[in-house]
PDB file of N, CA and C in Angstrom:
ATOM      1  N   MET A   1     -59.829 -68.741   7.624  1.00  0.00           N
ATOM      2  CA  MET A   1     -59.407 -69.644   6.574  1.00  0.00           C
ATOM      3  C   MET A   1     -60.655 -70.193   5.877  1.00  0.00           C
ATOM      4  N   ALA A   2     -60.568 -70.302   4.561  1.00  0.00           N
ATOM      5  CA  ALA A   2     -61.708 -70.777   3.784  1.00  0.00           C
ATOM      6  C   ALA A   2     -61.948 -72.274   3.990  1.00  0.00           C
ATOM      7  N   ASN A   3     -63.155 -72.686   3.729  1.00  0.00           N
ATOM      8  CA  ASN A   3     -63.565 -74.084   3.815  1.00  0.00           C
ATOM      9  C   ASN A   3     -62.777 -74.899   2.780  1.00  0.00           C
ATOM     10  N   PRO A   4     -62.056 -75.949   3.198  1.00  0.00           N
ATOM     11  CA  PRO A   4     -61.272 -76.746   2.249  1.00  0.00           C
ATOM     12  C   PRO A   4     -62.115 -77.343   1.124  1.00  0.00           C
ATOM     13  N   LEU A   5     -63.346 -77.714   1.410  1.00  0.00           N
ATOM     14  CA  LEU A   5     -64.215 -78.264   0.380  1.00  0.00           C
ATOM     15  C   LEU A   5     -64.571 -77.193  -0.646  1.00  0.00           C
ATOM     16  N   MET A   6     -64.869 -75.987  -0.174  1.00  0.00           N
ATOM     17  CA  MET A   6     -65.180 -74.887  -1.074  1.00  0.00           C
ATOM     18  C   MET A   6     -63.965 -74.568  -1.949  1.00  0.00           C
ATOM     19  N   LEU A   7     -62.766 -74.630  -1.351  1.00  0.00           N
ATOM     20  CA  LEU A   7     -61.545 -74.392  -2.121  1.00  0.00           C
ATOM     21  C   LEU A   7     -61.348 -75.473  -3.186  1.00  0.00           C
ATOM     22  N   LEU A   8     -61.692 -76.724  -2.865  1.00  0.00           N
ATOM     23  CA  LEU A   8     -61.599 -77.816  -3.831  1.00  0.00           C
ATOM     24  C   LEU A   8     -62.549 -77.569  -4.997  1.00  0.00           C
ATOM     25  N   VAL A   9     -63.766 -77.135  -4.703  1.00  0.00           N
ATOM     26  CA  VAL A   9     -64.733 -76.832  -5.766  1.00  0.00           C
ATOM     27  C   VAL A   9     -64.219 -75.677  -6.617  1.00  0.00           C
ATOM     28  N   GLN A  10     -63.659 -74.654  -5.978  1.00  0.00           N
ATOM     29  CA  GLN A  10     -63.111 -73.518  -6.715  1.00  0.00           C
ATOM     30  C   GLN A  10     -61.946 -73.976  -7.602  1.00  0.00           C
ATOM     31  N   GLN A  11     -61.070 -74.817  -7.078  1.00  0.00           N
ATOM     32  CA  GLN A  11     -59.951 -75.339  -7.861  1.00  0.00           C
ATOM     33  C   GLN A  11     -60.472 -76.113  -9.077  1.00  0.00           C
ATOM     34  N   ALA A  12     -61.496 -76.909  -8.853  1.00  0.00           N
ATOM     35  CA  ALA A  12     -62.080 -77.680  -9.951  1.00  0.00           C
ATOM     36  C   ALA A  12     -62.603 -76.753 -11.037  1.00  0.00           C
ATOM     37  N   ARG A  13     -63.309 -75.708 -10.645  1.00  0.00           N
ATOM     38  CA  ARG A  13     -63.841 -74.751 -11.628  1.00  0.00           C
ATOM     39  C   ARG A  13     -62.701 -74.087 -12.407  1.00  0.00           C
ATOM     40  N   GLU A  14     -61.622 -73.731 -11.695  1.00  0.00           N
ATOM     41  CA  GLU A  14     -60.504 -73.038 -12.334  1.00  0.00           C
ATOM     42  C   GLU A  14     -59.798 -73.894 -13.376  1.00  0.00           C
ATOM     43  N   VAL A  15     -59.765 -75.217 -13.174  1.00  0.00           N
ATOM     44  CA  VAL A  15     -59.101 -76.084 -14.156  1.00  0.00           C
ATOM     45  C   VAL A  15     -60.066 -76.592 -15.226  1.00  0.00           C
ATOM     46  N   GLY A  16     -61.317 -76.162 -15.164  1.00  0.00           N
ATOM     47  CA  GLY A  16     -62.272 -76.482 -16.214  1.00  0.00           C
ATOM     48  C   GLY A  16     -63.197 -77.653 -15.944  1.00  0.00           C
ATOM     49  N   ILE A  17     -63.291 -78.099 -14.695  1.00  0.00           N
ATOM     50  CA  ILE A  17     -64.206 -79.189 -14.358  1.00  0.00           C
ATOM     51  C   ILE A  17     -65.606 -78.609 -14.141  1.00  0.00           C
ATOM     52  N   GLY A  18     -66.591 -79.217 -14.772  1.00  0.00           N
ATOM     53  CA  GLY A  18     -67.979 -78.808 -14.584  1.00  0.00           C
ATOM     54  C   GLY A  18     -68.601 -79.591 -13.435  1.00  0.00           C
ATOM     55  N   ILE A  19     -69.259 -78.898 -12.523  1.00  0.00           N
ATOM     56  CA  ILE A  19     -69.888 -79.531 -11.360  1.00  0.00           C
ATOM     57  C   ILE A  19     -71.331 -79.055 -11.288  1.00  0.00           C
ATOM     58  N   ALA A  20     -72.245 -79.984 -11.086  1.00  0.00           N
ATOM     59  CA  ALA A  20     -73.660 -79.628 -10.963  1.00  0.00           C
ATOM     60  C   ALA A  20     -74.380 -80.676 -10.137  1.00  0.00           C
ATOM     61  N   ARG A  21     -75.536 -80.288  -9.655  1.00  0.00           N
ATOM     62  CA  ARG A  21     -76.419 -81.219  -8.966  1.00  0.00           C
ATOM     63  C   ARG A  21     -77.503 -81.616  -9.951  1.00  0.00           C
ATOM     64  N   ARG A  22     -77.613 -82.901 -10.221  1.00  0.00           N
ATOM     65  CA  ARG A  22     -78.636 -83.403 -11.147  1.00  0.00           C
ATOM     66  C   ARG A  22     -80.015 -83.303 -10.494  1.00  0.00           C
ATOM     67  N   PRO A  23     -81.072 -83.303 -11.305  1.00  0.00           N
ATOM     68  CA  PRO A  23     -82.428 -83.257 -10.745  1.00  0.00           C
ATOM     69  C   PRO A  23     -82.714 -84.401  -9.764  1.00  0.00           C
ATOM     70  N   ASP A  24     -82.042 -85.551  -9.942  1.00  0.00           N
ATOM     71  CA  ASP A  24     -82.279 -86.675  -9.027  1.00  0.00           C
ATOM     72  C   ASP A  24     -81.470 -86.549  -7.733  1.00  0.00           C
ATOM     73  N   GLY A  25     -80.722 -85.441  -7.579  1.00  0.00           N
ATOM     74  CA  GLY A  25     -79.979 -85.194  -6.347  1.00  0.00           C
ATOM     75  C   GLY A  25     -78.563 -85.743  -6.328  1.00  0.00           C
ATOM     76  N   THR A  26     -78.110 -86.349  -7.425  1.00  0.00           N
ATOM     77  CA  THR A  26     -76.751 -86.871  -7.472  1.00  0.00           C
ATOM     78  C   THR A  26     -75.803 -85.820  -8.045  1.00  0.00           C
ATOM     79  N   LEU A  27     -74.525 -86.063  -7.875  1.00  0.00           N
ATOM     80  CA  LEU A  27     -73.505 -85.124  -8.315  1.00  0.00           C
ATOM     81  C   LEU A  27     -73.063 -85.448  -9.738  1.00  0.00           C
ATOM     82  N   ALA A  28     -73.024 -84.435 -10.596  1.00  0.00           N
ATOM     83  CA  ALA A  28     -72.533 -84.579 -11.965  1.00  0.00           C
ATOM     84  C   ALA A  28     -71.199 -83.857 -12.069  1.00  0.00           C
ATOM     85  N   ILE A  29     -70.167 -84.567 -12.540  1.00  0.00           N
ATOM     86  CA  ILE A  29     -68.844 -83.977 -12.713  1.00  0.00           C
ATOM     87  C   ILE A  29     -68.402 -84.224 -14.145  1.00  0.00           C
ATOM     88  N   ARG A  30     -68.120 -83.140 -14.874  1.00  0.00           N
ATOM     89  CA  ARG A  30     -67.640 -83.222 -16.248  1.00  0.00           C
ATOM     90  C   ARG A  30     -66.148 -82.926 -16.220  1.00  0.00           C
ATOM     91  N   THR A  31     -65.346 -83.880 -16.673  1.00  0.00           N
ATOM     92  CA  THR A  31     -63.900 -83.759 -16.533  1.00  0.00           C
ATOM     93  C   THR A  31     -63.184 -84.231 -17.793  1.00  0.00           C
ATOM     94  N   THR A  32     -61.878 -84.003 -17.810  1.00  0.00           N
ATOM     95  CA  THR A  32     -61.007 -84.507 -18.870  1.00  0.00           C
ATOM     96  C   THR A  32     -59.865 -85.259 -18.196  1.00  0.00           C
ATOM     97  N   ALA A  33     -59.063 -85.942 -18.963  1.00  0.00           N
ATOM     98  CA  ALA A  33     -57.930 -86.675 -18.399  1.00  0.00           C
ATOM     99  C   ALA A  33     -56.981 -85.736 -17.657  1.00  0.00           C
ATOM    100  N   ALA A  34     -56.839 -84.505 -18.131  1.00  0.00           N
ATOM    101  CA  ALA A  34     -55.926 -83.546 -17.509  1.00  0.00           C
ATOM    102  C   ALA A  34     -56.393 -83.101 -16.129  1.00  0.00           C
ATOM    103  N   THR A  35     -57.684 -83.243 -15.840  1.00  0.00           N
ATOM    104  CA  THR A  35     -58.227 -82.788 -14.560  1.00  0.00           C
ATOM    105  C   THR A  35     -58.680 -83.947 -13.683  1.00  0.00           C
ATOM    106  N   ASP A  36     -58.253 -85.146 -14.016  1.00  0.00           N
ATOM    107  CA  ASP A  36     -58.731 -86.347 -13.340  1.00  0.00           C
ATOM    108  C   ASP A  36     -58.457 -86.383 -11.838  1.00  0.00           C
ATOM    109  N   SER A  37     -57.299 -85.913 -11.372  1.00  0.00           N
ATOM    110  CA  SER A  37     -56.984 -85.995  -9.939  1.00  0.00           C
ATOM    111  C   SER A  37     -57.922 -85.122  -9.113  1.00  0.00           C
ATOM    112  N   VAL A  38     -58.264 -83.946  -9.619  1.00  0.00           N
ATOM    113  CA  VAL A  38     -59.205 -83.068  -8.906  1.00  0.00           C
ATOM    114  C   VAL A  38     -60.596 -83.692  -8.928  1.00  0.00           C
ATOM    115  N   ALA A  39     -60.985 -84.281 -10.049  1.00  0.00           N
ATOM    116  CA  ALA A  39     -62.296 -84.933 -10.148  1.00  0.00           C
ATOM    117  C   ALA A  39     -62.400 -86.095  -9.163  1.00  0.00           C
ATOM    118  N   ARG A  40     -61.321 -86.870  -9.006  1.00  0.00           N
ATOM    119  CA  ARG A  40     -61.333 -87.980  -8.041  1.00  0.00           C
ATOM    120  C   ARG A  40     -61.527 -87.447  -6.620  1.00  0.00           C
ATOM    121  N   ALA A  41     -60.877 -86.319  -6.298  1.00  0.00           N
ATOM    122  CA  ALA A  41     -61.030 -85.722  -4.962  1.00  0.00           C
ATOM    123  C   ALA A  41     -62.471 -85.274  -4.733  1.00  0.00           C
ATOM    124  N   LEU A  42     -63.113 -84.726  -5.767  1.00  0.00           N
ATOM    125  CA  LEU A  42     -64.525 -84.328  -5.648  1.00  0.00           C
ATOM    126  C   LEU A  42     -65.426 -85.542  -5.449  1.00  0.00           C
ATOM    127  N   ARG A  43     -65.195 -86.585  -6.249  1.00  0.00           N
ATOM    128  CA  ARG A  43     -66.034 -87.780  -6.143  1.00  0.00           C
ATOM    129  C   ARG A  43     -65.883 -88.458  -4.779  1.00  0.00           C
ATOM    130  N   ALA A  44     -64.701 -88.367  -4.199  1.00  0.00           N
ATOM    131  CA  ALA A  44     -64.481 -88.970  -2.877  1.00  0.00           C
ATOM    132  C   ALA A  44     -65.317 -88.277  -1.805  1.00  0.00           C
ATOM    133  N   ARG A  45     -65.715 -87.038  -2.058  1.00  0.00           N
ATOM    134  CA  ARG A  45     -66.515 -86.280  -1.085  1.00  0.00           C
ATOM    135  C   ARG A  45     -67.843 -85.850  -1.696  1.00  0.00           C
ATOM    136  N   ASP A  46     -68.417 -86.678  -2.549  1.00  0.00           N
ATOM    137  CA  ASP A  46     -69.605 -86.282  -3.298  1.00  0.00           C
ATOM    138  C   ASP A  46     -70.752 -85.808  -2.420  1.00  0.00           C
ATOM    139  N   GLN A  47     -71.019 -86.468  -1.309  1.00  0.00           N
ATOM    140  CA  GLN A  47     -72.137 -86.053  -0.449  1.00  0.00           C
ATOM    141  C   GLN A  47     -71.870 -84.684   0.184  1.00  0.00           C
ATOM    142  N   ASP A  48     -70.624 -84.420   0.553  1.00  0.00           N
ATOM    143  CA  ASP A  48     -70.276 -83.094   1.087  1.00  0.00           C
ATOM    144  C   ASP A  48     -70.425 -82.022   0.013  1.00  0.00           C
ATOM    145  N   VAL A  49     -69.975 -82.313  -1.207  1.00  0.00           N
ATOM    146  CA  VAL A  49     -70.106 -81.349  -2.302  1.00  0.00           C
ATOM    147  C   VAL A  49     -71.580 -81.062  -2.556  1.00  0.00           C
ATOM    148  N   LEU A  50     -72.409 -82.097  -2.550  1.00  0.00           N
ATOM    149  CA  LEU A  50     -73.850 -81.882  -2.757  1.00  0.00           C
ATOM    150  C   LEU A  50     -74.450 -81.005  -1.669  1.00  0.00           C
ATOM    151  N   ARG A  51     -73.982 -81.158  -0.422  1.00  0.00           N
ATOM    152  CA  ARG A  51     -74.493 -80.307   0.667  1.00  0.00           C
ATOM    153  C   ARG A  51     -74.161 -78.834   0.440  1.00  0.00           C
ATOM    154  N   LEU A  52     -73.056 -78.548  -0.247  1.00  0.00           N
ATOM    155  CA  LEU A  52     -72.728 -77.156  -0.555  1.00  0.00           C
ATOM    156  C   LEU A  52     -73.810 -76.505  -1.406  1.00  0.00           C
ATOM    157  N   TYR A  53     -74.512 -77.305  -2.208  1.00  0.00           N
ATOM    158  CA  TYR A  53     -75.567 -76.787  -3.075  1.00  0.00           C
ATOM    159  C   TYR A  53     -76.922 -76.716  -2.364  1.00  0.00           C
ATOM    160  N   ASP A  54     -77.021 -77.268  -1.168  1.00  0.00           N
ATOM    161  CA  ASP A  54     -78.300 -77.338  -0.451  1.00  0.00           C
ATOM    162  C   ASP A  54     -78.292 -76.411   0.758  1.00  0.00           C
ATOM    163  N   TRP A  55     -78.608 -75.145   0.529  1.00  0.00           N
ATOM    164  CA  TRP A  55     -78.598 -74.168   1.616  1.00  0.00           C
ATOM    165  C   TRP A  55     -79.882 -74.178   2.426  1.00  0.00           C
ATOM    166  N   THR A  56     -80.819 -75.099   2.127  1.00  0.00           N
ATOM    167  CA  THR A  56     -82.029 -75.197   2.943  1.00  0.00           C
ATOM    168  C   THR A  56     -81.685 -75.723   4.330  1.00  0.00           C
ATOM    169  N   ARG A  57     -80.519 -76.349   4.491  1.00  0.00           N
ATOM    170  CA  ARG A  57     -80.098 -76.882   5.785  1.00  0.00           C
ATOM    171  C   ARG A  57     -79.078 -76.001   6.485  1.00  0.00           C
ATOM    172  N   ALA A  58     -78.803 -74.840   5.918  1.00  0.00           N
ATOM    173  CA  ALA A  58     -77.841 -73.928   6.526  1.00  0.00           C
ATOM    174  C   ALA A  58     -78.429 -73.322   7.796  1.00  0.00           C
ATOM    175  N   GLY A  59     -77.618 -73.203   8.803  1.00  0.00           N
ATOM    176  CA  GLY A  59     -78.050 -72.586  10.041  1.00  0.00           C
ATOM    177  C   GLY A  59     -77.799 -71.088  10.025  1.00  0.00           C
ATOM    178  N   ALA A  60     -78.140 -70.460  11.117  1.00  0.00           N
ATOM    179  CA  ALA A  60     -77.903 -69.028  11.278  1.00  0.00           C
ATOM    180  C   ALA A  60     -77.497 -68.788  12.727  1.00  0.00           C
ATOM    181  N   ALA A  61     -76.731 -67.735  12.929  1.00  0.00           N
ATOM    182  CA  ALA A  61     -76.273 -67.380  14.274  1.00  0.00           C
ATOM    183  C   ALA A  61     -75.883 -65.911  14.272  1.00  0.00           C
ATOM    184  N   ASP A  62     -75.311 -65.470  15.363  1.00  0.00           N
ATOM    185  CA  ASP A  62     -74.859 -64.085  15.439  1.00  0.00           C
ATOM    186  C   ASP A  62     -73.834 -63.819  14.341  1.00  0.00           C
ATOM    187  N   PRO A  63     -73.754 -62.577  13.868  1.00  0.00           N
ATOM    188  CA  PRO A  63     -72.808 -62.258  12.800  1.00  0.00           C
ATOM    189  C   PRO A  63     -71.374 -62.630  13.180  1.00  0.00           C
ATOM    190  N   ALA A  64     -70.678 -63.210  12.209  1.00  0.00           N
ATOM    191  CA  ALA A  64     -69.268 -63.566  12.347  1.00  0.00           C
ATOM    192  C   ALA A  64     -68.646 -63.427  10.960  1.00  0.00           C
ATOM    193  N   PRO A  65     -67.335 -63.280  10.869  1.00  0.00           N
ATOM    194  CA  PRO A  65     -66.696 -63.088   9.555  1.00  0.00           C
ATOM    195  C   PRO A  65     -66.944 -64.254   8.599  1.00  0.00           C
ATOM    196  N   CYS A  66     -67.391 -63.943   7.379  1.00  0.00           N
ATOM    197  CA  CYS A  66     -67.607 -64.931   6.324  1.00  0.00           C
ATOM    198  C   CYS A  66     -66.277 -65.602   6.006  1.00  0.00           C
ATOM    199  N   LEU A  67     -66.288 -66.919   5.848  1.00  0.00           N
ATOM    200  CA  LEU A  67     -65.050 -67.641   5.576  1.00  0.00           C
ATOM    201  C   LEU A  67     -64.496 -67.343   4.196  1.00  0.00           C
ATOM    202  N   LEU A  68     -65.287 -66.719   3.312  1.00  0.00           N
ATOM    203  CA  LEU A  68     -64.808 -66.398   1.976  1.00  0.00           C
ATOM    204  C   LEU A  68     -64.450 -64.924   1.791  1.00  0.00           C
ATOM    205  N   CYS A  69     -65.272 -64.017   2.308  1.00  0.00           N
ATOM    206  CA  CYS A  69     -65.011 -62.586   2.076  1.00  0.00           C
ATOM    207  C   CYS A  69     -64.601 -61.817   3.321  1.00  0.00           C
ATOM    208  N   GLY A  70     -64.869 -62.371   4.502  1.00  0.00           N
ATOM    209  CA  GLY A  70     -64.478 -61.706   5.742  1.00  0.00           C
ATOM    210  C   GLY A  70     -65.493 -60.731   6.313  1.00  0.00           C
ATOM    211  N   ARG A  71     -66.542 -60.396   5.550  1.00  0.00           N
ATOM    212  CA  ARG A  71     -67.570 -59.493   6.074  1.00  0.00           C
ATOM    213  C   ARG A  71     -68.507 -60.275   6.994  1.00  0.00           C
ATOM    214  N   PRO A  72     -69.211 -59.597   7.925  1.00  0.00           N
ATOM    215  CA  PRO A  72     -70.101 -60.291   8.854  1.00  0.00           C
ATOM    216  C   PRO A  72     -71.193 -61.089   8.124  1.00  0.00           C
ATOM    217  N   ALA A  73     -71.391 -62.325   8.563  1.00  0.00           N
ATOM    218  CA  ALA A  73     -72.394 -63.211   7.954  1.00  0.00           C
ATOM    219  C   ALA A  73     -73.257 -63.837   9.043  1.00  0.00           C
ATOM    220  N   LEU A  74     -74.555 -63.921   8.782  1.00  0.00           N
ATOM    221  CA  LEU A  74     -75.486 -64.587   9.688  1.00  0.00           C
ATOM    222  C   LEU A  74     -75.599 -66.084   9.365  1.00  0.00           C
ATOM    223  N   LEU A  75     -75.526 -66.443   8.072  1.00  0.00           N
ATOM    224  CA  LEU A  75     -75.671 -67.840   7.658  1.00  0.00           C
ATOM    225  C   LEU A  75     -74.446 -68.661   8.018  1.00  0.00           C
ATOM    226  N   ARG A  76     -74.670 -69.974   8.154  1.00  0.00           N
ATOM    227  CA  ARG A  76     -73.587 -70.908   8.435  1.00  0.00           C
ATOM    228  C   ARG A  76     -73.500 -71.912   7.297  1.00  0.00           C
ATOM    229  N   ASP A  77     -72.286 -72.198   6.851  1.00  0.00           N
ATOM    230  CA  ASP A  77     -72.006 -73.146   5.776  1.00  0.00           C
ATOM    231  C   ASP A  77     -72.728 -74.457   6.071  1.00  0.00           C
ATOM    232  N   PRO A  78     -73.485 -75.013   5.097  1.00  0.00           N
ATOM    233  CA  PRO A  78     -74.239 -76.244   5.352  1.00  0.00           C
ATOM    234  C   PRO A  78     -73.361 -77.486   5.555  1.00  0.00           C
ATOM    235  N   VAL A  79     -72.068 -77.416   5.226  1.00  0.00           N
ATOM    236  CA  VAL A  79     -71.179 -78.560   5.403  1.00  0.00           C
ATOM    237  C   VAL A  79     -70.526 -78.550   6.768  1.00  0.00           C
ATOM    238  N   ASP A  80     -69.873 -77.430   7.124  1.00  0.00           N
ATOM    239  CA  ASP A  80     -69.121 -77.432   8.386  1.00  0.00           C
ATOM    240  C   ASP A  80     -69.600 -76.407   9.404  1.00  0.00           C
ATOM    241  N   GLY A  81     -70.659 -75.659   9.087  1.00  0.00           N
ATOM    242  CA  GLY A  81     -71.254 -74.750  10.057  1.00  0.00           C
ATOM    243  C   GLY A  81     -70.517 -73.450  10.290  1.00  0.00           C
ATOM    244  N   ARG A  82     -69.503 -73.173   9.479  1.00  0.00           N
ATOM    245  CA  ARG A  82     -68.777 -71.914   9.660  1.00  0.00           C
ATOM    246  C   ARG A  82     -69.517 -70.781   8.950  1.00  0.00           C
ATOM    247  N   PRO A  83     -69.332 -69.534   9.412  1.00  0.00           N
ATOM    248  CA  PRO A  83     -70.030 -68.391   8.815  1.00  0.00           C
ATOM    249  C   PRO A  83     -69.719 -68.251   7.322  1.00  0.00           C
ATOM    250  N   CYS A  84     -70.758 -68.058   6.522  1.00  0.00           N
ATOM    251  CA  CYS A  84     -70.572 -67.904   5.081  1.00  0.00           C
ATOM    252  C   CYS A  84     -71.814 -67.267   4.475  1.00  0.00           C
ATOM    253  N   HIS A  85     -71.605 -66.290   3.594  1.00  0.00           N
ATOM    254  CA  HIS A  85     -72.725 -65.736   2.827  1.00  0.00           C
ATOM    255  C   HIS A  85     -73.077 -66.705   1.704  1.00  0.00           C
ATOM    256  N   LYS A  86     -74.349 -66.877   1.442  1.00  0.00           N
ATOM    257  CA  LYS A  86     -74.754 -67.737   0.326  1.00  0.00           C
ATOM    258  C   LYS A  86     -74.263 -67.148  -0.985  1.00  0.00           C
ATOM    259  N   VAL A  87     -74.300 -65.836  -1.133  1.00  0.00           N
ATOM    260  CA  VAL A  87     -73.837 -65.230  -2.388  1.00  0.00           C
ATOM    261  C   VAL A  87     -72.340 -65.458  -2.598  1.00  0.00           C
ATOM    262  N   CYS A  88     -71.563 -65.513  -1.538  1.00  0.00           N
ATOM    263  CA  CYS A  88     -70.130 -65.805  -1.673  1.00  0.00           C
ATOM    264  C   CYS A  88     -69.937 -67.244  -2.136  1.00  0.00           C
ATOM    265  N   ALA A  89     -70.675 -68.175  -1.540  1.00  0.00           N
ATOM    266  CA  ALA A  89     -70.592 -69.578  -1.942  1.00  0.00           C
ATOM    267  C   ALA A  89     -71.081 -69.747  -3.378  1.00  0.00           C
ATOM    268  N   ASP A  90     -72.171 -69.072  -3.730  1.00  0.00           N
ATOM    269  CA  ASP A  90     -72.706 -69.179  -5.089  1.00  0.00           C
ATOM    270  C   ASP A  90     -71.707 -68.691  -6.132  1.00  0.00           C
ATOM    271  N   ALA A  91     -70.900 -67.692  -5.777  1.00  0.00           N
ATOM    272  CA  ALA A  91     -69.898 -67.181  -6.723  1.00  0.00           C
ATOM    273  C   ALA A  91     -68.915 -68.282  -7.110  1.00  0.00           C
ATOM    274  N   ILE A  92     -68.640 -69.206  -6.183  1.00  0.00           N
ATOM    275  CA  ILE A  92     -67.748 -70.326  -6.480  1.00  0.00           C
ATOM    276  C   ILE A  92     -68.531 -71.478  -7.094  1.00  0.00           C
ATOM    277  N   LEU A  93     -69.654 -71.827  -6.499  1.00  0.00           N
ATOM    278  CA  LEU A  93     -70.408 -73.007  -6.939  1.00  0.00           C
ATOM    279  C   LEU A  93     -70.997 -72.865  -8.335  1.00  0.00           C
ATOM    280  N   HIS A  94     -71.380 -71.657  -8.704  1.00  0.00           N
ATOM    281  CA  HIS A  94     -72.066 -71.473  -9.975  1.00  0.00           C
ATOM    282  C   HIS A  94     -71.239 -70.687 -10.989  1.00  0.00           C
ATOM    283  N   ALA A  95     -69.936 -70.564 -10.729  1.00  0.00           N
ATOM    284  CA  ALA A  95     -69.051 -69.887 -11.678  1.00  0.00           C
ATOM    285  C   ALA A  95     -68.976 -70.708 -12.952  1.00  0.00           C
ATOM    286  N   LYS A  96     -68.864 -70.037 -14.039  1.00  0.00           N
ATOM    287  CA  LYS A  96     -68.725 -70.730 -15.317  1.00  0.00           C
ATOM    288  C   LYS A  96     -67.288 -71.209 -15.450  1.00  0.00           C
ATOM    289  N   SER A  97     -67.116 -72.450 -15.878  1.00  0.00           N
ATOM    290  CA  SER A  97     -65.778 -72.987 -16.116  1.00  0.00           C
ATOM    291  C   SER A  97     -65.167 -72.236 -17.295  1.00  0.00           C
ATOM    292  N   GLN A  98     -63.877 -72.007 -17.220  1.00  0.00           N
ATOM    293  CA  GLN A  98     -63.160 -71.284 -18.274  1.00  0.00           C
ATOM    294  C   GLN A  98     -63.138 -72.069 -19.554  1.00  0.00           C
TER     295      GLN A  98
END
C-alpha cells in the first residue's frame, strides 16, 4: 500500500495545487477556493510533506518492494521508512500541476 502522505501530495497535484519547498525550508502551497480542503490537509502535515522533499535523511536496507511501483528498492521513504525509489517519489513530488 502506498504512503498516505505521498497519496495526499499526488491528490493535491491532480486537483491543481502547487507544492514546493521554499529556499528558506518552509512549505509553499498554491491553491484556489475549489482545492481548499486538500490544501488544509497538506498544511496540517507541513513538516511531513517537507520531509518528502529531503531525501538526504532517507535510509537504506535490503531490497524490498517499492511502495509506489512494487519493484525492489534499497532506499527507505524519509517520512515513514518504507521502501521507495527516489525517482518514484519524484514523479509525484515534482509533477507539473494540470
